[in-house]
């Protein structure tokens, strides 16, 4: 019987530039909500959605682009 198979190698290092390249190539959507309340009465409600992607990915019909 063989042991567990690992898809990542401990010797592989991912630089910040490689990580940013991968994120921008696929696109990232950030979303969040903040509610400030006092005595169970909502005073401020903020909703945020942000799409972070490269221009070339969006032109090719990437996340949120014309082809989506």
PDB file of N, CA and C in Angstrom:
ATOM      1  N   UNK A   1       0.841  -1.176   0.000  1.00  0.00           N
ATOM      2  CA  UNK A   1       0.000   0.000   0.000  1.00  0.00           C
ATOM      3  C   UNK A   1       0.889   1.244   0.000  1.00  0.00           C
ATOM      4  N   UNK A   2       0.490   2.260  -0.752  1.00  0.00           N
ATOM      5  CA  UNK A   2       1.291   3.477  -0.796  1.00  0.00           C
ATOM      6  C   UNK A   2       0.752   4.500   0.195  1.00  0.00           C
ATOM      7  N   UNK A   3       1.600   5.478   0.521  1.00  0.00           N
ATOM      8  CA  UNK A   3       1.222   6.521   1.470  1.00  0.00           C
ATOM      9  C   UNK A   3       0.386   7.591   0.798  1.00  0.00           C
ATOM     10  N   UNK A   4       0.017   8.635   1.548  1.00  0.00           N
ATOM     11  CA  UNK A   4      -0.797   9.719   0.999  1.00  0.00           C
ATOM     12  C   UNK A   4      -0.036  10.487  -0.086  1.00  0.00           C
ATOM     13  N   UNK A   5      -0.779  10.972  -1.061  1.00  0.00           N
ATOM     14  CA  UNK A   5      -0.187  11.707  -2.168  1.00  0.00           C
ATOM     15  C   UNK A   5      -0.342  13.199  -1.889  1.00  0.00           C
ATOM     16  N   UNK A   6       0.754  13.928  -2.009  1.00  0.00           N
ATOM     17  CA  UNK A   6       0.741  15.369  -1.796  1.00  0.00           C
ATOM     18  C   UNK A   6       0.902  16.067  -3.138  1.00  0.00           C
ATOM     19  N   UNK A   7       0.069  17.074  -3.407  1.00  0.00           N
ATOM     20  CA  UNK A   7       0.149  17.812  -4.651  1.00  0.00           C
ATOM     21  C   UNK A   7       1.145  18.947  -4.592  1.00  0.00           C
ATOM     22  N   UNK A   8       1.512  19.371  -3.404  1.00  0.00           N
ATOM     23  CA  UNK A   8       2.487  20.441  -3.271  1.00  0.00           C
ATOM     24  C   UNK A   8       3.795  19.869  -2.745  1.00  0.00           C
ATOM     25  N   UNK A   9       4.847  20.489  -3.155  1.00  0.00           N
ATOM     26  CA  UNK A   9       6.169  20.055  -2.719  1.00  0.00           C
ATOM     27  C   UNK A   9       6.702  21.052  -1.704  1.00  0.00           C
ATOM     28  N   UNK A  10       7.278  20.583  -0.614  1.00  0.00           N
ATOM     29  CA  UNK A  10       7.789  21.515   0.393  1.00  0.00           C
ATOM     30  C   UNK A  10       8.917  22.388  -0.133  1.00  0.00           C
ATOM     31  N   UNK A  11       9.601  21.950  -1.207  1.00  0.00           N
ATOM     32  CA  UNK A  11      10.709  22.735  -1.749  1.00  0.00           C
ATOM     33  C   UNK A  11      10.235  23.866  -2.648  1.00  0.00           C
ATOM     34  N   UNK A  12       8.974  23.807  -3.096  1.00  0.00           N
ATOM     35  CA  UNK A  12       8.441  24.861  -3.972  1.00  0.00           C
ATOM     36  C   UNK A  12       8.212  26.129  -3.175  1.00  0.00           C
ATOM     37  N   UNK A  13       8.674  27.249  -3.731  1.00  0.00           N
ATOM     38  CA  UNK A  13       8.455  28.541  -3.101  1.00  0.00           C
ATOM     39  C   UNK A  13       7.661  29.408  -4.057  1.00  0.00           C
ATOM     40  N   UNK A  14       6.685  30.109  -3.540  1.00  0.00           N
ATOM     41  CA  UNK A  14       5.860  30.992  -4.336  1.00  0.00           C
ATOM     42  C   UNK A  14       6.216  32.424  -3.967  1.00  0.00           C
ATOM     43  N   UNK A  15       6.738  33.160  -4.930  1.00  0.00           N
ATOM     44  CA  UNK A  15       7.112  34.542  -4.649  1.00  0.00           C
ATOM     45  C   UNK A  15       5.873  35.430  -4.718  1.00  0.00           C
ATOM     46  N   UNK A  16       5.985  36.617  -4.190  1.00  0.00           N
ATOM     47  CA  UNK A  16       4.871  37.560  -4.172  1.00  0.00           C
ATOM     48  C   UNK A  16       4.447  37.916  -5.591  1.00  0.00           C
ATOM     49  N   UNK A  17       5.393  38.044  -6.494  1.00  0.00           N
ATOM     50  CA  UNK A  17       5.083  38.375  -7.884  1.00  0.00           C
ATOM     51  C   UNK A  17       4.285  37.247  -8.537  1.00  0.00           C
ATOM     52  N   UNK A  18       4.676  35.995  -8.290  1.00  0.00           N
ATOM     53  CA  UNK A  18       3.941  34.854  -8.834  1.00  0.00           C
ATOM     54  C   UNK A  18       2.522  34.798  -8.276  1.00  0.00           C
ATOM     55  N   UNK A  19       2.380  35.065  -6.996  1.00  0.00           N
ATOM     56  CA  UNK A  19       1.064  35.059  -6.367  1.00  0.00           C
ATOM     57  C   UNK A  19       0.164  36.136  -6.968  1.00  0.00           C
ATOM     58  N   UNK A  20       0.684  37.347  -7.121  1.00  0.00           N
ATOM     59  CA  UNK A  20      -0.097  38.428  -7.717  1.00  0.00           C
ATOM     60  C   UNK A  20      -0.468  38.115  -9.163  1.00  0.00           C
ATOM     61  N   UNK A  21       0.460  37.499  -9.896  1.00  0.00           N
ATOM     62  CA  UNK A  21       0.182  37.136 -11.275  1.00  0.00           C
ATOM     63  C   UNK A  21      -0.962  36.129 -11.356  1.00  0.00           C
ATOM     64  N   UNK A  22      -0.965  35.145 -10.475  1.00  0.00           N
ATOM     65  CA  UNK A  22      -2.034  34.147 -10.458  1.00  0.00           C
ATOM     66  C   UNK A  22      -3.378  34.761 -10.068  1.00  0.00           C
ATOM     67  N   UNK A  23      -3.364  35.647  -9.074  1.00  0.00           N
ATOM     68  CA  UNK A  23      -4.611  36.278  -8.634  1.00  0.00           C
ATOM     69  C   UNK A  23      -5.197  37.187  -9.708  1.00  0.00           C
ATOM     70  N   UNK A  24      -4.335  37.978 -10.351  1.00  0.00           N
ATOM     71  CA  UNK A  24      -4.814  38.900 -11.375  1.00  0.00           C
ATOM     72  C   UNK A  24      -5.236  38.173 -12.635  1.00  0.00           C
ATOM     73  N   UNK A  25      -4.618  37.044 -12.931  1.00  0.00           N
ATOM     74  CA  UNK A  25      -4.982  36.267 -14.126  1.00  0.00           C
ATOM     75  C   UNK A  25      -6.381  35.674 -13.972  1.00  0.00           C
ATOM     76  N   UNK A  26      -6.732  35.261 -12.765  1.00  0.00           N
ATOM     77  CA  UNK A  26      -8.052  34.664 -12.552  1.00  0.00           C
ATOM     78  C   UNK A  26      -9.076  35.645 -12.031  1.00  0.00           C
ATOM     79  N   UNK A  27      -8.628  36.669 -11.343  1.00  0.00           N
ATOM     80  CA  UNK A  27      -9.545  37.635 -10.746  1.00  0.00           C
ATOM     81  C   UNK A  27      -9.936  37.231  -9.332  1.00  0.00           C
ATOM     82  N   UNK A  28     -10.178  38.209  -8.506  1.00  0.00           N
ATOM     83  CA  UNK A  28     -10.558  37.987  -7.114  1.00  0.00           C
ATOM     84  C   UNK A  28     -11.730  38.905  -6.792  1.00  0.00           C
ATOM     85  N   UNK A  29     -12.733  38.368  -6.123  1.00  0.00           N
ATOM     86  CA  UNK A  29     -13.866  39.174  -5.686  1.00  0.00           C
ATOM     87  C   UNK A  29     -13.845  39.238  -4.164  1.00  0.00           C
ATOM     88  N   UNK A  30     -13.807  40.448  -3.640  1.00  0.00           N
ATOM     89  CA  UNK A  30     -13.853  40.664  -2.197  1.00  0.00           C
ATOM     90  C   UNK A  30     -15.220  41.234  -1.847  1.00  0.00           C
ATOM     91  N   UNK A  31     -15.825  40.689  -0.806  1.00  0.00           N
ATOM     92  CA  UNK A  31     -17.117  41.238  -0.379  1.00  0.00           C
ATOM     93  C   UNK A  31     -17.185  41.238   1.138  1.00  0.00           C
ATOM     94  N   UNK A  32     -17.910  42.195   1.660  1.00  0.00           N
ATOM     95  CA  UNK A  32     -18.041  42.280   3.110  1.00  0.00           C
ATOM     96  C   UNK A  32     -19.150  43.237   3.510  1.00  0.00           C
ATOM     97  N   UNK A  33     -19.575  43.110   4.726  1.00  0.00           N
ATOM     98  CA  UNK A  33     -20.611  43.985   5.273  1.00  0.00           C
ATOM     99  C   UNK A  33     -20.222  44.407   6.681  1.00  0.00           C
ATOM    100  N   UNK A  34     -20.513  45.654   6.997  1.00  0.00           N
ATOM    101  CA  UNK A  34     -20.260  46.185   8.336  1.00  0.00           C
ATOM    102  C   UNK A  34     -21.538  46.877   8.804  1.00  0.00           C
ATOM    103  N   UNK A  35     -21.970  46.556   9.999  1.00  0.00           N
ATOM    104  CA  UNK A  35     -23.132  47.218  10.588  1.00  0.00           C
ATOM    105  C   UNK A  35     -22.748  47.756  11.961  1.00  0.00           C
ATOM    106  N   UNK A  36     -22.973  49.042  12.154  1.00  0.00           N
ATOM    107  CA  UNK A  36     -22.728  49.667  13.456  1.00  0.00           C
ATOM    108  C   UNK A  36     -24.087  49.931  14.085  1.00  0.00           C
ATOM    109  N   UNK A  37     -24.278  49.376  15.263  1.00  0.00           N
ATOM    110  CA  UNK A  37     -25.571  49.552  15.925  1.00  0.00           C
ATOM    111  C   UNK A  37     -25.364  49.963  17.380  1.00  0.00           C
ATOM    112  N   UNK A  38     -26.392  50.596  17.923  1.00  0.00           N
ATOM    113  CA  UNK A  38     -26.396  51.033  19.310  1.00  0.00           C
ATOM    114  C   UNK A  38     -27.749  50.677  19.899  1.00  0.00           C
ATOM    115  N   UNK A  39     -27.764  49.909  20.970  1.00  0.00           N
ATOM    116  CA  UNK A  39     -28.995  49.466  21.622  1.00  0.00           C
ATOM    117  C   UNK A  39     -29.907  48.746  20.630  1.00  0.00           C
ATOM    118  N   UNK A  40     -29.301  47.868  19.848  1.00  0.00           N
ATOM    119  CA  UNK A  40     -30.000  47.054  18.843  1.00  0.00           C
ATOM    120  C   UNK A  40     -30.697  47.872  17.764  1.00  0.00           C
ATOM    121  N   UNK A  41     -30.224  49.089  17.520  1.00  0.00           N
ATOM    122  CA  UNK A  41     -30.724  49.932  16.444  1.00  0.00           C
ATOM    123  C   UNK A  41     -29.567  50.156  15.476  1.00  0.00           C
ATOM    124  N   UNK A  42     -29.764  49.717  14.223  1.00  0.00           N
ATOM    125  CA  UNK A  42     -28.715  49.884  13.216  1.00  0.00           C
ATOM    126  C   UNK A  42     -28.555  51.356  12.873  1.00  0.00           C
ATOM    127  N   UNK A  43     -27.331  51.867  13.061  1.00  0.00           N
ATOM    128  CA  UNK A  43     -27.057  53.262  12.745  1.00  0.00           C
ATOM    129  C   UNK A  43     -26.419  53.401  11.362  1.00  0.00           C
ATOM    130  N   UNK A  44     -25.473  52.516  11.048  1.00  0.00           N
ATOM    131  CA  UNK A  44     -24.754  52.575   9.776  1.00  0.00           C
ATOM    132  C   UNK A  44     -24.611  51.158   9.247  1.00  0.00           C
ATOM    133  N   UNK A  45     -24.918  50.995   7.959  1.00  0.00           N
ATOM    134  CA  UNK A  45     -24.728  49.709   7.300  1.00  0.00           C
ATOM    135  C   UNK A  45     -23.922  49.950   6.027  1.00  0.00           C
ATOM    136  N   UNK A  46     -22.769  49.280   5.900  1.00  0.00           N
ATOM    137  CA  UNK A  46     -21.902  49.438   4.737  1.00  0.00           C
ATOM    138  C   UNK A  46     -21.740  48.076   4.078  1.00  0.00           C
ATOM    139  N   UNK A  47     -21.998  48.026   2.780  1.00  0.00           N
ATOM    140  CA  UNK A  47     -21.821  46.819   1.986  1.00  0.00           C
ATOM    141  C   UNK A  47     -20.735  47.103   0.957  1.00  0.00           C
ATOM    142  N   UNK A  48     -19.807  46.173   0.782  1.00  0.00           N
ATOM    143  CA  UNK A  48     -18.676  46.394  -0.109  1.00  0.00           C
ATOM    144  C   UNK A  48     -18.484  45.171  -0.993  1.00  0.00           C
ATOM    145  N   UNK A  49     -18.337  45.413  -2.287  1.00  0.00           N
ATOM    146  CA  UNK A  49     -17.941  44.365  -3.232  1.00  0.00           C
ATOM    147  C   UNK A  49     -16.890  44.959  -4.150  1.00  0.00           C
ATOM    148  N   UNK A  50     -15.777  44.269  -4.288  1.00  0.00           N
ATOM    149  CA  UNK A  50     -14.693  44.758  -5.141  1.00  0.00           C
ATOM    150  C   UNK A  50     -14.182  43.624  -6.018  1.00  0.00           C
ATOM    151  N   UNK A  51     -13.970  43.922  -7.289  1.00  0.00           N
ATOM    152  CA  UNK A  51     -13.398  42.975  -8.224  1.00  0.00           C
ATOM    153  C   UNK A  51     -11.977  43.430  -8.530  1.00  0.00           C
ATOM    154  N   UNK A  52     -11.027  42.556  -8.279  1.00  0.00           N
ATOM    155  CA  UNK A  52      -9.627  42.860  -8.554  1.00  0.00           C
ATOM    156  C   UNK A  52      -9.168  41.898  -9.638  1.00  0.00           C
ATOM    157  N   UNK A  53      -8.805  42.455 -10.788  1.00  0.00           N
ATOM    158  CA  UNK A  53      -8.392  41.638 -11.915  1.00  0.00           C
ATOM    159  C   UNK A  53      -7.521  42.478 -12.848  1.00  0.00           C
ATOM    160  N   UNK A  54      -6.821  41.816 -13.750  1.00  0.00           N
ATOM    161  CA  UNK A  54      -6.037  42.550 -14.728  1.00  0.00           C
ATOM    162  C   UNK A  54      -6.949  42.989 -15.871  1.00  0.00           C
ATOM    163  N   UNK A  55      -6.562  44.015 -16.583  1.00  0.00           N
ATOM    164  CA  UNK A  55      -7.358  44.528 -17.694  1.00  0.00           C
ATOM    165  C   UNK A  55      -7.447  43.480 -18.795  1.00  0.00           C
ATOM    166  N   UNK A  56      -6.364  42.779 -19.062  1.00  0.00           N
ATOM    167  CA  UNK A  56      -6.381  41.777 -20.130  1.00  0.00           C
ATOM    168  C   UNK A  56      -7.333  40.629 -19.796  1.00  0.00           C
ATOM    169  N   UNK A  57      -7.448  40.254 -18.526  1.00  0.00           N
ATOM    170  CA  UNK A  57      -8.380  39.201 -18.135  1.00  0.00           C
ATOM    171  C   UNK A  57      -9.810  39.658 -18.351  1.00  0.00           C
ATOM    172  N   UNK A  58     -10.115  40.893 -18.025  1.00  0.00           N
ATOM    173  CA  UNK A  58     -11.465  41.412 -18.229  1.00  0.00           C
ATOM    174  C   UNK A  58     -11.803  41.539 -19.707  1.00  0.00           C
ATOM    175  N   UNK A  59     -10.830  41.924 -20.533  1.00  0.00           N
ATOM    176  CA  UNK A  59     -11.072  42.037 -21.963  1.00  0.00           C
ATOM    177  C   UNK A  59     -11.324  40.685 -22.615  1.00  0.00           C
ATOM    178  N   UNK A  60     -10.744  39.631 -22.036  1.00  0.00           N
ATOM    179  CA  UNK A  60     -10.929  38.285 -22.565  1.00  0.00           C
ATOM    180  C   UNK A  60     -12.236  37.668 -22.086  1.00  0.00           C
ATOM    181  N   UNK A  61     -13.036  38.406 -21.316  1.00  0.00           N
ATOM    182  CA  UNK A  61     -14.301  37.883 -20.820  1.00  0.00           C
ATOM    183  C   UNK A  61     -14.136  37.132 -19.527  1.00  0.00           C
ATOM    184  N   UNK A  62     -13.204  37.564 -18.706  1.00  0.00           N
ATOM    185  CA  UNK A  62     -12.965  36.946 -17.412  1.00  0.00           C
ATOM    186  C   UNK A  62     -14.087  37.250 -16.441  1.00  0.00           C
ATOM    187  N   UNK A  63     -13.825  37.185 -15.130  1.00  0.00           N
ATOM    188  CA  UNK A  63     -14.872  37.379 -14.121  1.00  0.00           C
ATOM    189  C   UNK A  63     -15.538  38.741 -14.258  1.00  0.00           C
ATOM    190  N   UNK A  64     -16.837  38.727 -14.476  1.00  0.00           N
ATOM    191  CA  UNK A  64     -17.591  39.969 -14.579  1.00  0.00           C
ATOM    192  C   UNK A  64     -17.474  40.657 -15.908  1.00  0.00           C
ATOM    193  N   UNK A  65     -16.748  40.060 -16.856  1.00  0.00           N
ATOM    194  CA  UNK A  65     -16.550  40.664 -18.169  1.00  0.00           C
ATOM    195  C   UNK A  65     -17.710  40.393 -19.097  1.00  0.00           C
ATOM    196  N   UNK A  66     -17.585  40.766 -20.372  1.00  0.00           N
ATOM    197  CA  UNK A  66     -18.665  40.628 -21.338  1.00  0.00           C
ATOM    198  C   UNK A  66     -19.115  39.179 -21.544  1.00  0.00           C
ATOM    199  N   UNK A  67     -18.211  38.217 -21.379  1.00  0.00           N
ATOM    200  CA  UNK A  67     -18.574  36.839 -21.589  1.00  0.00           C
ATOM    201  C   UNK A  67     -19.216  36.179 -20.378  1.00  0.00           C
ATOM    202  N   UNK A  68     -19.246  36.846 -19.240  1.00  0.00           N
ATOM    203  CA  UNK A  68     -19.787  36.246 -18.016  1.00  0.00           C
ATOM    204  C   UNK A  68     -21.263  36.428 -17.911  1.00  0.00           C
TER     205      UNK A  68
END
